Amino acid sequence: MAMFSLGLFMALQPRIIACRNKVATFAMAVRFLTGPAVMAAISIAVGLRGKLLHVAIVHVQY
């Protein structure tokens, strides 16, 4: 029910991107570049290696 409510709220917004394009671009860059970098650093520090490390890095995007 919460996801339906959130989707309805987002659908009723007058603009798809609520903030400026520059802010939206910066936010996407932060999410898609620093997220995997932080996950890689933490995974290596914990001791993940090989395929499990790759899965952890890719999984942080979703």
PDB file of N, CA and C in Angstrom:
ATOM      1  N   MET A   1       0.815  -1.184   0.000  1.00  0.00           N
ATOM      2  CA  MET A   1       0.000   0.000   0.000  1.00  0.00           C
ATOM      3  C   MET A   1       0.862   1.254   0.000  1.00  0.00           C
ATOM      4  N   ALA A   2       1.985   1.201   0.709  1.00  0.00           N
ATOM      5  CA  ALA A   2       2.877   2.360   0.756  1.00  0.00           C
ATOM      6  C   ALA A   2       3.491   2.625  -0.609  1.00  0.00           C
ATOM      7  N   MET A   3       3.865   1.564  -1.328  1.00  0.00           N
ATOM      8  CA  MET A   3       4.447   1.755  -2.666  1.00  0.00           C
ATOM      9  C   MET A   3       3.417   2.328  -3.625  1.00  0.00           C
ATOM     10  N   PHE A   4       2.171   1.893  -3.510  1.00  0.00           N
ATOM     11  CA  PHE A   4       1.111   2.438  -4.353  1.00  0.00           C
ATOM     12  C   PHE A   4       0.919   3.920  -4.064  1.00  0.00           C
ATOM     13  N   SER A   5       0.899   4.283  -2.800  1.00  0.00           N
ATOM     14  CA  SER A   5       0.734   5.673  -2.401  1.00  0.00           C
ATOM     15  C   SER A   5       1.888   6.532  -2.905  1.00  0.00           C
ATOM     16  N   LEU A   6       3.109   6.027  -2.783  1.00  0.00           N
ATOM     17  CA  LEU A   6       4.279   6.755  -3.270  1.00  0.00           C
ATOM     18  C   LEU A   6       4.235   6.915  -4.788  1.00  0.00           C
ATOM     19  N   GLY A   7       3.848   5.869  -5.498  1.00  0.00           N
ATOM     20  CA  GLY A   7       3.742   5.945  -6.956  1.00  0.00           C
ATOM     21  C   GLY A   7       2.678   6.923  -7.393  1.00  0.00           C
ATOM     22  N   LEU A   8       1.562   6.946  -6.697  1.00  0.00           N
ATOM     23  CA  LEU A   8       0.495   7.893  -7.013  1.00  0.00           C
ATOM     24  C   LEU A   8       0.953   9.323  -6.760  1.00  0.00           C
ATOM     25  N   PHE A   9       1.660   9.531  -5.648  1.00  0.00           N
ATOM     26  CA  PHE A   9       2.197  10.858  -5.351  1.00  0.00           C
ATOM     27  C   PHE A   9       3.155  11.323  -6.435  1.00  0.00           C
ATOM     28  N   MET A  10       4.055  10.428  -6.871  1.00  0.00           N
ATOM     29  CA  MET A  10       5.031  10.790  -7.907  1.00  0.00           C
ATOM     30  C   MET A  10       4.341  11.052  -9.235  1.00  0.00           C
ATOM     31  N   ALA A  11       3.315  10.289  -9.548  1.00  0.00           N
ATOM     32  CA  ALA A  11       2.622  10.453 -10.824  1.00  0.00           C
ATOM     33  C   ALA A  11       1.865  11.772 -10.891  1.00  0.00           C
ATOM     34  N   LEU A  12       1.450  12.288  -9.763  1.00  0.00           N
ATOM     35  CA  LEU A  12       0.677  13.527  -9.745  1.00  0.00           C
ATOM     36  C   LEU A  12       1.548  14.783  -9.723  1.00  0.00           C
ATOM     37  N   GLN A  13       2.880  14.612  -9.709  1.00  0.00           N
ATOM     38  CA  GLN A  13       3.768  15.771  -9.719  1.00  0.00           C
ATOM     39  C   GLN A  13       3.723  16.447 -11.083  1.00  0.00           C
ATOM     40  N   PRO A  14       3.767  17.775 -11.126  1.00  0.00           N
ATOM     41  CA  PRO A  14       3.682  18.480 -12.416  1.00  0.00           C
ATOM     42  C   PRO A  14       4.920  18.284 -13.288  1.00  0.00           C
ATOM     43  N   ARG A  15       6.064  18.070 -12.673  1.00  0.00           N
ATOM     44  CA  ARG A  15       7.287  17.862 -13.450  1.00  0.00           C
ATOM     45  C   ARG A  15       7.911  16.528 -13.058  1.00  0.00           C
ATOM     46  N   ILE A  16       8.549  15.890 -14.018  1.00  0.00           N
ATOM     47  CA  ILE A  16       9.194  14.604 -13.715  1.00  0.00           C
ATOM     48  C   ILE A  16      10.421  14.821 -12.829  1.00  0.00           C
ATOM     49  N   ILE A  17      11.252  15.787 -13.188  1.00  0.00           N
ATOM     50  CA  ILE A  17      12.422  16.117 -12.380  1.00  0.00           C
ATOM     51  C   ILE A  17      12.055  17.330 -11.541  1.00  0.00           C
ATOM     52  N   ALA A  18      11.923  17.139 -10.237  1.00  0.00           N
ATOM     53  CA  ALA A  18      11.464  18.210  -9.356  1.00  0.00           C
ATOM     54  C   ALA A  18      12.529  19.273  -9.129  1.00  0.00           C
ATOM     55  N   CYS A  19      13.796  18.907  -9.277  1.00  0.00           N
ATOM     56  CA  CYS A  19      14.865  19.873  -9.074  1.00  0.00           C
ATOM     57  C   CYS A  19      15.449  20.271 -10.437  1.00  0.00           C
ATOM     58  N   ARG A  20      16.437  21.133 -10.402  1.00  0.00           N
ATOM     59  CA  ARG A  20      17.065  21.566 -11.655  1.00  0.00           C
ATOM     60  C   ARG A  20      17.826  20.402 -12.295  1.00  0.00           C
ATOM     61  N   ASN A  21      18.058  20.509 -13.603  1.00  0.00           N
ATOM     62  CA  ASN A  21      18.770  19.446 -14.322  1.00  0.00           C
ATOM     63  C   ASN A  21      20.187  19.262 -13.804  1.00  0.00           C
ATOM     64  N   LYS A  22      20.842  20.351 -13.410  1.00  0.00           N
ATOM     65  CA  LYS A  22      22.212  20.257 -12.908  1.00  0.00           C
ATOM     66  C   LYS A  22      22.248  19.460 -11.602  1.00  0.00           C
ATOM     67  N   VAL A  23      21.304  19.708 -10.730  1.00  0.00           N
ATOM     68  CA  VAL A  23      21.226  18.985  -9.455  1.00  0.00           C
ATOM     69  C   VAL A  23      20.907  17.510  -9.698  1.00  0.00           C
ATOM     70  N   ALA A  24      19.997  17.236 -10.632  1.00  0.00           N
ATOM     71  CA  ALA A  24      19.635  15.852 -10.949  1.00  0.00           C
ATOM     72  C   ALA A  24      20.829  15.100 -11.534  1.00  0.00           C
ATOM     73  N   THR A  25      21.591  15.756 -12.395  1.00  0.00           N
ATOM     74  CA  THR A  25      22.781  15.129 -12.983  1.00  0.00           C
ATOM     75  C   THR A  25      23.822  14.827 -11.915  1.00  0.00           C
ATOM     76  N   PHE A  26      24.027  15.763 -11.006  1.00  0.00           N
ATOM     77  CA  PHE A  26      24.977  15.550  -9.918  1.00  0.00           C
ATOM     78  C   PHE A  26      24.539  14.383  -9.027  1.00  0.00           C
ATOM     79  N   ALA A  27      23.252  14.318  -8.721  1.00  0.00           N
ATOM     80  CA  ALA A  27      22.744  13.238  -7.882  1.00  0.00           C
ATOM     81  C   ALA A  27      22.918  11.880  -8.554  1.00  0.00           C
ATOM     82  N   MET A  28      22.680  11.816  -9.873  1.00  0.00           N
ATOM     83  CA  MET A  28      22.881  10.549 -10.591  1.00  0.00           C
ATOM     84  C   MET A  28      24.345  10.155 -10.598  1.00  0.00           C
ATOM     85  N   ALA A  29      25.237  11.129 -10.781  1.00  0.00           N
ATOM     86  CA  ALA A  29      26.668  10.829 -10.772  1.00  0.00           C
ATOM     87  C   ALA A  29      27.106  10.305  -9.410  1.00  0.00           C
ATOM     88  N   VAL A  30      26.608  10.929  -8.363  1.00  0.00           N
ATOM     89  CA  VAL A  30      26.953  10.474  -7.014  1.00  0.00           C
ATOM     90  C   VAL A  30      26.473   9.047  -6.797  1.00  0.00           C
ATOM     91  N   ARG A  31      25.246   8.775  -7.225  1.00  0.00           N
ATOM     92  CA  ARG A  31      24.695   7.435  -7.000  1.00  0.00           C
ATOM     93  C   ARG A  31      25.434   6.371  -7.802  1.00  0.00           C
ATOM     94  N   PHE A  32      25.712   6.640  -9.074  1.00  0.00           N
ATOM     95  CA  PHE A  32      26.271   5.615  -9.940  1.00  0.00           C
ATOM     96  C   PHE A  32      27.792   5.516  -9.901  1.00  0.00           C
ATOM     97  N   LEU A  33      28.461   6.499  -9.326  1.00  0.00           N
ATOM     98  CA  LEU A  33      29.923   6.431  -9.249  1.00  0.00           C
ATOM     99  C   LEU A  33      30.431   6.175  -7.831  1.00  0.00           C
ATOM    100  N   THR A  34      29.931   6.930  -6.877  1.00  0.00           N
ATOM    101  CA  THR A  34      30.444   6.753  -5.516  1.00  0.00           C
ATOM    102  C   THR A  34      29.839   5.549  -4.810  1.00  0.00           C
ATOM    103  N   GLY A  35      28.607   5.186  -5.160  1.00  0.00           N
ATOM    104  CA  GLY A  35      27.992   4.015  -4.540  1.00  0.00           C
ATOM    105  C   GLY A  35      28.808   2.742  -4.751  1.00  0.00           C
ATOM    106  N   PRO A  36      29.113   2.391  -6.008  1.00  0.00           N
ATOM    107  CA  PRO A  36      29.944   1.203  -6.233  1.00  0.00           C
ATOM    108  C   PRO A  36      31.358   1.331  -5.664  1.00  0.00           C
ATOM    109  N   ALA A  37      31.913   2.550  -5.667  1.00  0.00           N
ATOM    110  CA  ALA A  37      33.255   2.734  -5.111  1.00  0.00           C
ATOM    111  C   ALA A  37      33.273   2.467  -3.609  1.00  0.00           C
ATOM    112  N   VAL A  38      32.280   2.963  -2.907  1.00  0.00           N
ATOM    113  CA  VAL A  38      32.186   2.726  -1.464  1.00  0.00           C
ATOM    114  C   VAL A  38      31.946   1.244  -1.187  1.00  0.00           C
ATOM    115  N   MET A  39      31.061   0.637  -1.976  1.00  0.00           N
ATOM    116  CA  MET A  39      30.776  -0.793  -1.787  1.00  0.00           C
ATOM    117  C   MET A  39      32.016  -1.639  -2.051  1.00  0.00           C
ATOM    118  N   ALA A  40      32.789  -1.276  -3.069  1.00  0.00           N
ATOM    119  CA  ALA A  40      34.018  -2.019  -3.369  1.00  0.00           C
ATOM    120  C   ALA A  40      35.010  -1.902  -2.215  1.00  0.00           C
ATOM    121  N   ALA A  41      35.178  -0.696  -1.694  1.00  0.00           N
ATOM    122  CA  ALA A  41      36.120  -0.499  -0.589  1.00  0.00           C
ATOM    123  C   ALA A  41      35.700  -1.290   0.650  1.00  0.00           C
ATOM    124  N   ILE A  42      34.420  -1.241   0.980  1.00  0.00           N
ATOM    125  CA  ILE A  42      33.940  -1.980   2.155  1.00  0.00           C
ATOM    126  C   ILE A  42      34.045  -3.484   1.936  1.00  0.00           C
ATOM    127  N   SER A  43      33.701  -3.949   0.730  1.00  0.00           N
ATOM    128  CA  SER A  43      33.756  -5.386   0.445  1.00  0.00           C
ATOM    129  C   SER A  43      35.184  -5.909   0.506  1.00  0.00           C
ATOM    130  N   ILE A  44      36.116  -5.145  -0.018  1.00  0.00           N
ATOM    131  CA  ILE A  44      37.522  -5.568   0.034  1.00  0.00           C
ATOM    132  C   ILE A  44      38.019  -5.559   1.478  1.00  0.00           C
ATOM    133  N   ALA A  45      37.606  -4.560   2.248  1.00  0.00           N
ATOM    134  CA  ALA A  45      38.019  -4.493   3.653  1.00  0.00           C
ATOM    135  C   ALA A  45      37.479  -5.677   4.452  1.00  0.00           C
ATOM    136  N   VAL A  46      36.273  -6.137   4.101  1.00  0.00           N
ATOM    137  CA  VAL A  46      35.679  -7.286   4.785  1.00  0.00           C
ATOM    138  C   VAL A  46      36.323  -8.589   4.336  1.00  0.00           C
ATOM    139  N   GLY A  47      36.836  -8.593   3.110  1.00  0.00           N
ATOM    140  CA  GLY A  47      37.515  -9.784   2.629  1.00  0.00           C
ATOM    141  C   GLY A  47      36.855 -10.474   1.454  1.00  0.00           C
ATOM    142  N   LEU A  48      35.914  -9.825   0.816  1.00  0.00           N
ATOM    143  CA  LEU A  48      35.277 -10.434  -0.359  1.00  0.00           C
ATOM    144  C   LEU A  48      36.233 -10.390  -1.541  1.00  0.00           C
ATOM    145  N   ARG A  49      36.248 -11.454  -2.297  1.00  0.00           N
ATOM    146  CA  ARG A  49      37.113 -11.527  -3.473  1.00  0.00           C
ATOM    147  C   ARG A  49      36.367 -12.233  -4.600  1.00  0.00           C
ATOM    148  N   GLY A  50      36.843 -12.068  -5.813  1.00  0.00           N
ATOM    149  CA  GLY A  50      36.319 -12.792  -6.966  1.00  0.00           C
ATOM    150  C   GLY A  50      34.900 -12.410  -7.347  1.00  0.00           C
ATOM    151  N   LYS A  51      34.130 -13.449  -7.708  1.00  0.00           N
ATOM    152  CA  LYS A  51      32.766 -13.220  -8.182  1.00  0.00           C
ATOM    153  C   LYS A  51      31.877 -12.596  -7.118  1.00  0.00           C
ATOM    154  N   LEU A  52      32.066 -12.957  -5.889  1.00  0.00           N
ATOM    155  CA  LEU A  52      31.256 -12.402  -4.806  1.00  0.00           C
ATOM    156  C   LEU A  52      31.476 -10.890  -4.678  1.00  0.00           C
ATOM    157  N   LEU A  53      32.698 -10.441  -4.888  1.00  0.00           N
ATOM    158  CA  LEU A  53      32.999  -9.006  -4.883  1.00  0.00           C
ATOM    159  C   LEU A  53      32.281  -8.310  -6.027  1.00  0.00           C
ATOM    160  N   HIS A  54      32.321  -8.911  -7.209  1.00  0.00           N
ATOM    161  CA  HIS A  54      31.645  -8.329  -8.373  1.00  0.00           C
ATOM    162  C   HIS A  54      30.137  -8.267  -8.176  1.00  0.00           C
ATOM    163  N   VAL A  55      29.574  -9.303  -7.610  1.00  0.00           N
ATOM    164  CA  VAL A  55      28.129  -9.321  -7.346  1.00  0.00           C
ATOM    165  C   VAL A  55      27.758  -8.231  -6.346  1.00  0.00           C
ATOM    166  N   ALA A  56      28.559  -8.039  -5.318  1.00  0.00           N
ATOM    167  CA  ALA A  56      28.280  -7.012  -4.315  1.00  0.00           C
ATOM    168  C   ALA A  56      28.318  -5.619  -4.932  1.00  0.00           C
ATOM    169  N   ILE A  57      29.272  -5.378  -5.817  1.00  0.00           N
ATOM    170  CA  ILE A  57      29.393  -4.062  -6.455  1.00  0.00           C
ATOM    171  C   ILE A  57      28.225  -3.807  -7.397  1.00  0.00           C
ATOM    172  N   VAL A  58      27.841  -4.800  -8.172  1.00  0.00           N
ATOM    173  CA  VAL A  58      26.720  -4.620  -9.096  1.00  0.00           C
ATOM    174  C   VAL A  58      25.400  -4.522  -8.330  1.00  0.00           C
ATOM    175  N   HIS A  59      25.284  -5.250  -7.236  1.00  0.00           N
ATOM    176  CA  HIS A  59      24.047  -5.268  -6.472  1.00  0.00           C
ATOM    177  C   HIS A  59      23.737  -3.924  -5.834  1.00  0.00           C
ATOM    178  N   VAL A  60      24.731  -3.129  -5.537  1.00  0.00           N
ATOM    179  CA  VAL A  60      24.515  -1.833  -4.885  1.00  0.00           C
ATOM    180  C   VAL A  60      23.769  -0.885  -5.827  1.00  0.00           C
ATOM    181  N   GLN A  61      23.747  -1.129  -7.113  1.00  0.00           N
ATOM    182  CA  GLN A  61      23.052  -0.270  -8.070  1.00  0.00           C
ATOM    183  C   GLN A  61      21.550  -0.477  -8.020  1.00  0.00           C
ATOM    184  N   TYR A  62      21.080  -1.575  -7.469  1.00  0.00           N
ATOM    185  CA  TYR A  62      19.655  -1.864  -7.480  1.00  0.00           C
ATOM    186  C   TYR A  62      19.094  -1.765  -6.149  1.00  0.00           C
TER     187      TYR A  62
END
